[in-house]
N, C-alpha and C. Protein backbone atom coordinates (compact mmCIF):
# COMPACT_ATOMS: atom_id res chain seq x y z
N UNK A 1 -33.04 -29.61 -77.59
CA UNK A 1 -34.46 -29.86 -77.47
C UNK A 1 -34.93 -30.63 -78.70
N UNK A 2 -35.73 -31.65 -78.49
CA UNK A 2 -36.25 -32.43 -79.61
C UNK A 2 -37.67 -32.01 -79.91
N UNK A 3 -38.06 -32.22 -81.15
CA UNK A 3 -39.41 -31.91 -81.59
C UNK A 3 -40.17 -33.22 -81.72
N UNK A 4 -41.15 -33.44 -80.87
CA UNK A 4 -41.90 -34.70 -80.89
C UNK A 4 -42.75 -34.86 -82.14
N UNK A 5 -42.91 -33.78 -82.91
CA UNK A 5 -43.71 -33.84 -84.13
C UNK A 5 -42.88 -34.21 -85.36
N UNK A 6 -41.58 -34.41 -85.19
CA UNK A 6 -40.73 -34.78 -86.31
C UNK A 6 -41.04 -36.20 -86.73
N UNK A 7 -41.36 -36.40 -88.01
CA UNK A 7 -41.66 -37.77 -88.44
C UNK A 7 -40.39 -38.62 -88.41
N UNK A 8 -40.53 -39.91 -88.19
CA UNK A 8 -39.34 -40.77 -88.19
C UNK A 8 -38.74 -40.84 -89.60
N UNK A 9 -37.45 -41.03 -89.67
CA UNK A 9 -36.77 -41.14 -90.96
C UNK A 9 -37.27 -42.37 -91.71
N UNK A 10 -37.47 -42.24 -93.01
CA UNK A 10 -37.90 -43.37 -93.83
C UNK A 10 -36.73 -44.23 -94.27
N UNK A 11 -35.53 -43.67 -94.24
CA UNK A 11 -34.31 -44.41 -94.54
C UNK A 11 -33.30 -44.04 -93.46
N UNK A 12 -32.78 -45.06 -92.79
CA UNK A 12 -31.85 -44.85 -91.68
C UNK A 12 -30.48 -45.38 -92.09
N UNK A 13 -29.46 -44.58 -91.89
CA UNK A 13 -28.10 -44.94 -92.30
C UNK A 13 -27.23 -45.14 -91.08
N UNK A 14 -26.39 -46.17 -91.15
CA UNK A 14 -25.46 -46.41 -90.06
C UNK A 14 -24.23 -47.11 -90.63
N UNK A 15 -23.21 -47.23 -89.78
CA UNK A 15 -22.00 -47.93 -90.17
C UNK A 15 -21.63 -48.91 -89.07
N UNK A 16 -21.36 -50.14 -89.47
CA UNK A 16 -20.90 -51.17 -88.56
C UNK A 16 -19.60 -51.71 -89.13
N UNK A 17 -18.49 -51.34 -88.52
CA UNK A 17 -17.20 -51.71 -89.07
C UNK A 17 -17.03 -51.12 -90.45
N UNK A 18 -16.76 -51.97 -91.45
CA UNK A 18 -16.56 -51.51 -92.82
C UNK A 18 -17.84 -51.61 -93.66
N UNK A 19 -18.95 -51.85 -92.99
CA UNK A 19 -20.24 -52.02 -93.65
C UNK A 19 -21.13 -50.79 -93.46
N UNK A 20 -21.56 -50.18 -94.57
CA UNK A 20 -22.57 -49.14 -94.53
C UNK A 20 -23.93 -49.83 -94.57
N UNK A 21 -24.81 -49.43 -93.67
CA UNK A 21 -26.13 -50.07 -93.61
C UNK A 21 -27.21 -49.05 -93.93
N UNK A 22 -28.16 -49.49 -94.75
CA UNK A 22 -29.34 -48.69 -95.08
C UNK A 22 -30.55 -49.48 -94.63
N UNK A 23 -31.34 -48.90 -93.76
CA UNK A 23 -32.58 -49.53 -93.30
C UNK A 23 -33.75 -48.76 -93.87
N UNK A 24 -34.53 -49.44 -94.72
CA UNK A 24 -35.77 -48.85 -95.22
C UNK A 24 -36.79 -48.97 -94.10
N UNK A 25 -37.32 -47.85 -93.67
CA UNK A 25 -38.13 -47.85 -92.45
C UNK A 25 -39.56 -47.40 -92.70
N UNK A 26 -40.26 -48.16 -93.55
CA UNK A 26 -41.69 -47.95 -93.80
C UNK A 26 -42.38 -49.29 -93.75
N UNK A 27 -42.35 -49.97 -92.61
CA UNK A 27 -42.89 -51.33 -92.55
C UNK A 27 -44.37 -51.43 -92.89
N UNK A 28 -45.15 -50.40 -92.60
CA UNK A 28 -46.58 -50.45 -92.92
C UNK A 28 -46.84 -50.42 -94.42
N UNK A 29 -45.86 -49.90 -95.17
CA UNK A 29 -45.98 -49.83 -96.63
C UNK A 29 -45.06 -50.86 -97.29
N UNK A 30 -44.71 -51.91 -96.55
CA UNK A 30 -43.80 -52.95 -97.02
C UNK A 30 -42.49 -52.33 -97.55
N UNK A 31 -42.09 -51.25 -96.88
CA UNK A 31 -40.84 -50.54 -97.17
C UNK A 31 -40.75 -50.01 -98.60
N UNK A 32 -41.90 -49.67 -99.17
CA UNK A 32 -41.93 -49.09 -100.51
C UNK A 32 -41.14 -47.79 -100.51
N UNK A 33 -40.37 -47.59 -101.57
CA UNK A 33 -39.55 -46.39 -101.69
C UNK A 33 -40.39 -45.17 -102.03
N UNK A 34 -39.99 -44.04 -101.49
CA UNK A 34 -40.56 -42.75 -101.86
C UNK A 34 -39.46 -41.96 -102.56
N UNK A 35 -39.84 -40.88 -103.20
CA UNK A 35 -38.85 -40.04 -103.86
C UNK A 35 -37.84 -39.51 -102.84
N UNK A 36 -38.31 -39.13 -101.67
CA UNK A 36 -37.42 -38.65 -100.62
C UNK A 36 -36.41 -39.70 -100.18
N UNK A 37 -36.86 -40.94 -100.09
CA UNK A 37 -35.96 -42.03 -99.72
C UNK A 37 -34.89 -42.24 -100.79
N UNK A 38 -35.30 -42.23 -102.06
CA UNK A 38 -34.36 -42.43 -103.15
C UNK A 38 -33.31 -41.32 -103.14
N UNK A 39 -33.74 -40.09 -102.93
CA UNK A 39 -32.81 -38.96 -102.88
C UNK A 39 -31.83 -39.11 -101.72
N UNK A 40 -32.35 -39.44 -100.53
CA UNK A 40 -31.48 -39.61 -99.36
C UNK A 40 -30.49 -40.75 -99.54
N UNK A 41 -30.95 -41.86 -100.11
CA UNK A 41 -30.08 -43.01 -100.35
C UNK A 41 -29.00 -42.65 -101.36
N UNK A 42 -29.35 -41.96 -102.43
CA UNK A 42 -28.36 -41.57 -103.44
C UNK A 42 -27.30 -40.66 -102.82
N UNK A 43 -27.72 -39.72 -101.99
CA UNK A 43 -26.78 -38.82 -101.34
C UNK A 43 -25.84 -39.59 -100.41
N UNK A 44 -26.39 -40.54 -99.65
CA UNK A 44 -25.55 -41.33 -98.74
C UNK A 44 -24.58 -42.21 -99.51
N UNK A 45 -25.05 -42.84 -100.58
CA UNK A 45 -24.16 -43.68 -101.37
C UNK A 45 -23.02 -42.86 -101.97
N UNK A 46 -23.30 -41.63 -102.38
CA UNK A 46 -22.26 -40.75 -102.90
C UNK A 46 -21.22 -40.46 -101.82
N UNK A 47 -21.67 -40.20 -100.59
CA UNK A 47 -20.73 -39.96 -99.49
C UNK A 47 -19.89 -41.21 -99.23
N UNK A 48 -20.53 -42.37 -99.19
CA UNK A 48 -19.82 -43.61 -98.91
C UNK A 48 -18.84 -43.97 -100.03
N UNK A 49 -19.14 -43.56 -101.26
CA UNK A 49 -18.27 -43.88 -102.39
C UNK A 49 -16.86 -43.34 -102.17
N UNK A 50 -16.75 -42.19 -101.55
CA UNK A 50 -15.42 -41.61 -101.33
C UNK A 50 -14.90 -41.86 -99.92
N UNK A 51 -15.57 -42.72 -99.16
CA UNK A 51 -15.18 -43.04 -97.79
C UNK A 51 -14.46 -44.40 -97.79
N UNK A 52 -13.17 -44.38 -97.60
CA UNK A 52 -12.40 -45.62 -97.67
C UNK A 52 -12.71 -46.58 -96.51
N UNK A 53 -13.43 -46.11 -95.50
CA UNK A 53 -13.78 -47.01 -94.38
C UNK A 53 -14.99 -47.89 -94.71
N UNK A 54 -15.68 -47.61 -95.82
CA UNK A 54 -16.83 -48.41 -96.24
C UNK A 54 -16.41 -49.34 -97.37
N UNK A 55 -16.61 -50.62 -97.16
CA UNK A 55 -16.27 -51.62 -98.17
C UNK A 55 -17.52 -52.25 -98.78
N UNK A 56 -18.57 -52.37 -97.98
CA UNK A 56 -19.79 -53.06 -98.39
C UNK A 56 -21.00 -52.24 -97.94
N UNK A 57 -22.07 -52.31 -98.70
CA UNK A 57 -23.33 -51.67 -98.31
C UNK A 57 -24.41 -52.74 -98.26
N UNK A 58 -25.17 -52.75 -97.18
CA UNK A 58 -26.27 -53.69 -97.00
C UNK A 58 -27.56 -52.90 -96.88
N UNK A 59 -28.58 -53.30 -97.63
CA UNK A 59 -29.90 -52.67 -97.54
C UNK A 59 -30.86 -53.69 -96.94
N UNK A 60 -31.58 -53.27 -95.92
CA UNK A 60 -32.57 -54.15 -95.31
C UNK A 60 -33.84 -53.35 -95.04
N UNK A 61 -34.91 -54.06 -94.73
CA UNK A 61 -36.19 -53.42 -94.48
C UNK A 61 -36.67 -53.66 -93.07
N UNK A 62 -37.33 -52.67 -92.51
CA UNK A 62 -37.90 -52.79 -91.17
C UNK A 62 -39.14 -53.68 -91.22
N UNK A 63 -39.41 -54.34 -90.11
CA UNK A 63 -40.60 -55.17 -90.02
C UNK A 63 -40.35 -56.56 -90.58
N UNK A 64 -41.42 -57.32 -90.64
CA UNK A 64 -41.31 -58.72 -91.05
C UNK A 64 -41.95 -59.02 -92.40
N UNK A 65 -42.56 -58.03 -93.04
CA UNK A 65 -43.37 -58.32 -94.23
C UNK A 65 -42.60 -58.31 -95.53
N UNK A 66 -41.56 -57.53 -95.67
CA UNK A 66 -40.89 -57.52 -96.96
C UNK A 66 -39.94 -56.37 -97.14
N UNK A 67 -39.30 -56.37 -98.28
CA UNK A 67 -38.34 -55.34 -98.62
C UNK A 67 -38.66 -54.81 -100.00
N UNK A 68 -39.31 -53.69 -100.08
CA UNK A 68 -39.49 -52.94 -101.33
C UNK A 68 -39.74 -53.87 -102.52
N UNK A 69 -40.97 -54.20 -102.79
CA UNK A 69 -41.33 -55.21 -103.79
C UNK A 69 -41.05 -54.81 -105.23
N UNK A 70 -40.96 -53.54 -105.53
CA UNK A 70 -40.62 -53.12 -106.88
C UNK A 70 -41.68 -52.30 -107.58
N UNK A 71 -42.93 -52.49 -107.24
CA UNK A 71 -44.00 -51.69 -107.87
C UNK A 71 -43.84 -50.21 -107.58
N UNK A 72 -43.25 -49.90 -106.45
CA UNK A 72 -43.01 -48.49 -106.08
C UNK A 72 -41.99 -47.86 -107.01
N UNK A 73 -41.05 -48.64 -107.52
CA UNK A 73 -40.04 -48.12 -108.44
C UNK A 73 -40.70 -47.63 -109.72
N UNK A 74 -41.67 -48.36 -110.20
CA UNK A 74 -42.39 -47.96 -111.41
C UNK A 74 -43.07 -46.62 -111.18
N UNK A 75 -43.63 -46.43 -109.99
CA UNK A 75 -44.29 -45.18 -109.66
C UNK A 75 -43.36 -43.99 -109.58
N UNK A 76 -42.10 -44.25 -109.22
CA UNK A 76 -41.14 -43.16 -109.14
C UNK A 76 -40.72 -42.72 -110.51
């Protein structure tokens, strides 16, 4: 059973072949990072570090406006 009140993930992880993919999924906020996103990304990168099936990691942003401009990093 799914919970329709569950918020969508702000960072989505997937694997395509030997590529680990991270999708920042906050298009309304120009994919600005949150503390929760940074924590989730760090945990995933740690898992991928010991996974020999991952050779490359690609980070992209949802929507058409941008990818994490950097001001959010200062806030973190």
